[in-house]
């Protein structure tokens, strides 16, 4: 994956955002740690969508990566 600032969102199958960060450093543990009301709750097993946006520093076009992940 390209270098630059990485923002990450995890979405439920219905499109609800369950996790988001604007400076991702490979530290998500499968919990809703940045949603205050549900802090530290583990998300249920299932299929989720991830979206990674890489903002480059050198004025090159941003990169976006999308895909699926499964929590078991």
N, C-alpha and C. Protein backbone atom coordinates (compact mmCIF):
# COMPACT_ATOMS: atom_id res chain seq x y z
N UNK A 1 0.84 -1.16 0.00
CA UNK A 1 0.00 0.00 0.00
C UNK A 1 0.90 1.24 0.00
N UNK A 2 0.46 2.28 -0.65
CA UNK A 2 1.24 3.51 -0.79
C UNK A 2 1.50 4.17 0.55
N UNK A 3 2.53 5.02 0.55
CA UNK A 3 2.79 5.77 1.77
C UNK A 3 1.94 7.03 1.78
N UNK A 4 1.74 7.57 2.94
CA UNK A 4 0.92 8.76 3.13
C UNK A 4 0.01 8.56 4.32
N UNK A 5 -0.80 9.55 4.60
CA UNK A 5 -1.74 9.46 5.71
C UNK A 5 -2.91 8.55 5.33
N UNK A 6 -3.25 7.63 6.21
CA UNK A 6 -4.30 6.65 5.92
C UNK A 6 -5.50 6.85 6.83
N UNK A 7 -6.66 7.06 6.23
CA UNK A 7 -7.89 7.07 7.01
C UNK A 7 -8.63 5.77 6.70
N UNK A 8 -9.26 5.21 7.72
CA UNK A 8 -9.93 3.92 7.59
C UNK A 8 -11.34 4.02 8.12
N UNK A 9 -12.26 3.40 7.40
CA UNK A 9 -13.64 3.26 7.88
C UNK A 9 -14.01 1.78 7.75
N UNK A 10 -14.75 1.28 8.74
CA UNK A 10 -15.32 -0.06 8.70
C UNK A 10 -16.83 0.14 8.72
N UNK A 11 -17.52 -0.50 7.77
CA UNK A 11 -18.97 -0.36 7.65
C UNK A 11 -19.64 -1.71 7.82
N UNK A 12 -20.82 -1.70 8.43
CA UNK A 12 -21.61 -2.93 8.53
C UNK A 12 -22.20 -3.25 7.16
N UNK A 13 -22.80 -4.41 7.04
CA UNK A 13 -23.41 -4.81 5.76
C UNK A 13 -24.56 -3.88 5.38
N UNK A 14 -25.14 -3.18 6.33
CA UNK A 14 -26.22 -2.23 6.04
C UNK A 14 -25.69 -0.82 5.75
N UNK A 15 -24.36 -0.65 5.79
CA UNK A 15 -23.75 0.64 5.48
C UNK A 15 -23.52 1.55 6.66
N UNK A 16 -23.80 1.08 7.87
CA UNK A 16 -23.59 1.89 9.07
C UNK A 16 -22.10 1.89 9.44
N UNK A 17 -21.55 3.07 9.65
CA UNK A 17 -20.14 3.17 10.03
C UNK A 17 -19.97 2.71 11.47
N UNK A 18 -19.10 1.73 11.69
CA UNK A 18 -18.88 1.22 13.03
C UNK A 18 -17.49 1.55 13.56
N UNK A 19 -16.62 2.00 12.66
CA UNK A 19 -15.27 2.39 13.08
C UNK A 19 -14.73 3.39 12.07
N UNK A 20 -14.04 4.39 12.54
CA UNK A 20 -13.39 5.36 11.66
C UNK A 20 -12.21 5.98 12.38
N UNK A 21 -11.15 6.21 11.65
CA UNK A 21 -9.99 6.91 12.17
C UNK A 21 -9.33 7.65 11.01
N UNK A 22 -8.69 8.76 11.32
CA UNK A 22 -8.06 9.56 10.28
C UNK A 22 -6.55 9.42 10.27
N UNK A 23 -6.00 8.62 11.15
CA UNK A 23 -4.55 8.41 11.16
C UNK A 23 -4.28 6.95 11.55
N UNK A 24 -4.70 6.03 10.69
CA UNK A 24 -4.63 4.61 11.00
C UNK A 24 -3.19 4.11 11.00
N UNK A 25 -2.85 3.36 12.04
CA UNK A 25 -1.50 2.80 12.17
C UNK A 25 -1.56 1.30 12.45
N UNK A 26 -2.49 0.60 11.79
CA UNK A 26 -2.64 -0.85 11.91
C UNK A 26 -2.89 -1.28 13.36
N UNK A 27 -3.83 -0.60 14.03
CA UNK A 27 -4.06 -0.86 15.44
C UNK A 27 -5.51 -1.21 15.78
N UNK A 28 -6.36 -1.45 14.78
CA UNK A 28 -7.75 -1.78 15.08
C UNK A 28 -7.84 -3.19 15.63
N UNK A 29 -8.58 -3.36 16.73
CA UNK A 29 -8.67 -4.65 17.41
C UNK A 29 -10.05 -5.29 17.31
N UNK A 30 -10.88 -4.80 16.38
CA UNK A 30 -12.21 -5.38 16.20
C UNK A 30 -13.23 -4.86 17.20
N UNK A 31 -12.90 -3.78 17.88
CA UNK A 31 -13.82 -3.19 18.85
C UNK A 31 -14.29 -1.82 18.37
N UNK A 32 -15.38 -1.37 18.94
CA UNK A 32 -15.97 -0.08 18.62
C UNK A 32 -15.33 1.01 19.47
N UNK A 33 -14.03 1.01 19.56
CA UNK A 33 -13.33 1.86 20.53
C UNK A 33 -13.44 3.35 20.27
N UNK A 34 -13.80 3.78 19.06
CA UNK A 34 -13.89 5.22 18.85
C UNK A 34 -15.33 5.71 18.73
N UNK A 35 -16.27 4.89 19.09
CA UNK A 35 -17.67 5.29 19.16
C UNK A 35 -18.02 5.31 20.64
N UNK A 36 -18.12 6.50 21.21
CA UNK A 36 -18.16 6.67 22.66
C UNK A 36 -19.24 5.84 23.36
N UNK A 37 -20.47 5.82 22.82
CA UNK A 37 -21.55 5.10 23.51
C UNK A 37 -21.30 3.60 23.58
N UNK A 38 -20.57 3.06 22.64
CA UNK A 38 -20.35 1.62 22.57
C UNK A 38 -18.89 1.26 22.84
N UNK A 39 -18.19 2.13 23.51
CA UNK A 39 -16.75 2.00 23.71
C UNK A 39 -16.36 0.59 24.19
N UNK A 40 -15.35 0.05 23.52
CA UNK A 40 -14.72 -1.23 23.86
C UNK A 40 -15.62 -2.45 23.66
N UNK A 41 -16.74 -2.31 22.97
CA UNK A 41 -17.56 -3.47 22.64
C UNK A 41 -17.04 -4.14 21.39
N UNK A 42 -16.93 -5.45 21.40
CA UNK A 42 -16.50 -6.20 20.23
C UNK A 42 -17.65 -6.27 19.25
N UNK A 43 -17.34 -6.10 17.97
CA UNK A 43 -18.40 -6.16 16.97
C UNK A 43 -18.82 -7.61 16.75
N UNK A 44 -20.07 -7.84 16.36
CA UNK A 44 -20.54 -9.21 16.14
C UNK A 44 -19.86 -9.86 14.94
N UNK A 45 -19.82 -11.18 14.95
CA UNK A 45 -19.29 -11.92 13.81
C UNK A 45 -20.10 -11.56 12.57
N UNK A 46 -19.42 -11.49 11.44
CA UNK A 46 -20.10 -11.20 10.19
C UNK A 46 -19.17 -10.59 9.17
N UNK A 47 -19.75 -10.19 8.05
CA UNK A 47 -19.00 -9.60 6.95
C UNK A 47 -19.12 -8.08 7.01
N UNK A 48 -18.00 -7.39 6.84
CA UNK A 48 -17.94 -5.95 6.92
C UNK A 48 -17.18 -5.40 5.72
N UNK A 49 -17.39 -4.14 5.43
CA UNK A 49 -16.71 -3.45 4.34
C UNK A 49 -15.66 -2.53 4.94
N UNK A 50 -14.47 -2.51 4.34
CA UNK A 50 -13.48 -1.52 4.76
C UNK A 50 -13.19 -0.56 3.61
N UNK A 51 -12.90 0.68 3.97
CA UNK A 51 -12.52 1.71 3.01
C UNK A 51 -11.28 2.39 3.56
N UNK A 52 -10.21 2.37 2.78
CA UNK A 52 -8.96 3.03 3.17
C UNK A 52 -8.69 4.13 2.17
N UNK A 53 -8.50 5.35 2.66
CA UNK A 53 -8.14 6.47 1.80
C UNK A 53 -6.73 6.90 2.18
N UNK A 54 -5.85 6.91 1.20
CA UNK A 54 -4.46 7.30 1.44
C UNK A 54 -4.27 8.69 0.85
N UNK A 55 -4.00 9.64 1.71
CA UNK A 55 -3.76 11.01 1.28
C UNK A 55 -2.26 11.20 1.12
N UNK A 56 -1.82 11.43 -0.10
CA UNK A 56 -0.39 11.55 -0.37
C UNK A 56 0.10 12.96 -0.09
N UNK A 57 1.35 13.07 0.28
CA UNK A 57 1.94 14.36 0.63
C UNK A 57 2.52 15.08 -0.59
N UNK A 58 2.78 14.37 -1.66
CA UNK A 58 3.49 14.94 -2.80
C UNK A 58 2.57 15.41 -3.93
N UNK A 59 1.33 15.76 -3.60
CA UNK A 59 0.33 16.27 -4.55
C UNK A 59 -0.05 15.27 -5.64
N UNK A 60 0.26 14.01 -5.43
CA UNK A 60 -0.19 12.96 -6.33
C UNK A 60 -1.64 12.64 -6.01
N UNK A 61 -2.37 12.02 -6.95
CA UNK A 61 -3.78 11.67 -6.65
C UNK A 61 -3.86 10.73 -5.44
N UNK A 62 -4.90 10.91 -4.65
CA UNK A 62 -5.13 10.03 -3.49
C UNK A 62 -5.48 8.63 -3.97
N UNK A 63 -5.17 7.65 -3.16
CA UNK A 63 -5.53 6.26 -3.44
C UNK A 63 -6.68 5.85 -2.54
N UNK A 64 -7.59 5.06 -3.06
CA UNK A 64 -8.68 4.49 -2.25
C UNK A 64 -8.66 2.98 -2.45
N UNK A 65 -8.77 2.27 -1.36
CA UNK A 65 -8.85 0.81 -1.38
C UNK A 65 -10.12 0.40 -0.67
N UNK A 66 -10.87 -0.50 -1.28
CA UNK A 66 -12.11 -1.02 -0.67
C UNK A 66 -12.08 -2.53 -0.73
N UNK A 67 -12.74 -3.14 0.24
CA UNK A 67 -12.81 -4.58 0.26
C UNK A 67 -13.68 -5.06 1.39
N UNK A 68 -13.63 -6.36 1.63
CA UNK A 68 -14.44 -6.99 2.66
C UNK A 68 -13.52 -7.64 3.69
N UNK A 69 -14.02 -7.70 4.90
CA UNK A 69 -13.35 -8.48 5.94
C UNK A 69 -14.40 -9.23 6.72
N UNK A 70 -14.02 -10.34 7.27
CA UNK A 70 -14.94 -11.18 8.01
C UNK A 70 -14.45 -11.32 9.44
N UNK A 71 -15.33 -11.05 10.38
CA UNK A 71 -15.05 -11.25 11.81
C UNK A 71 -15.69 -12.59 12.19
N UNK A 72 -14.89 -13.48 12.75
CA UNK A 72 -15.43 -14.80 13.15
C UNK A 72 -15.33 -14.98 14.65
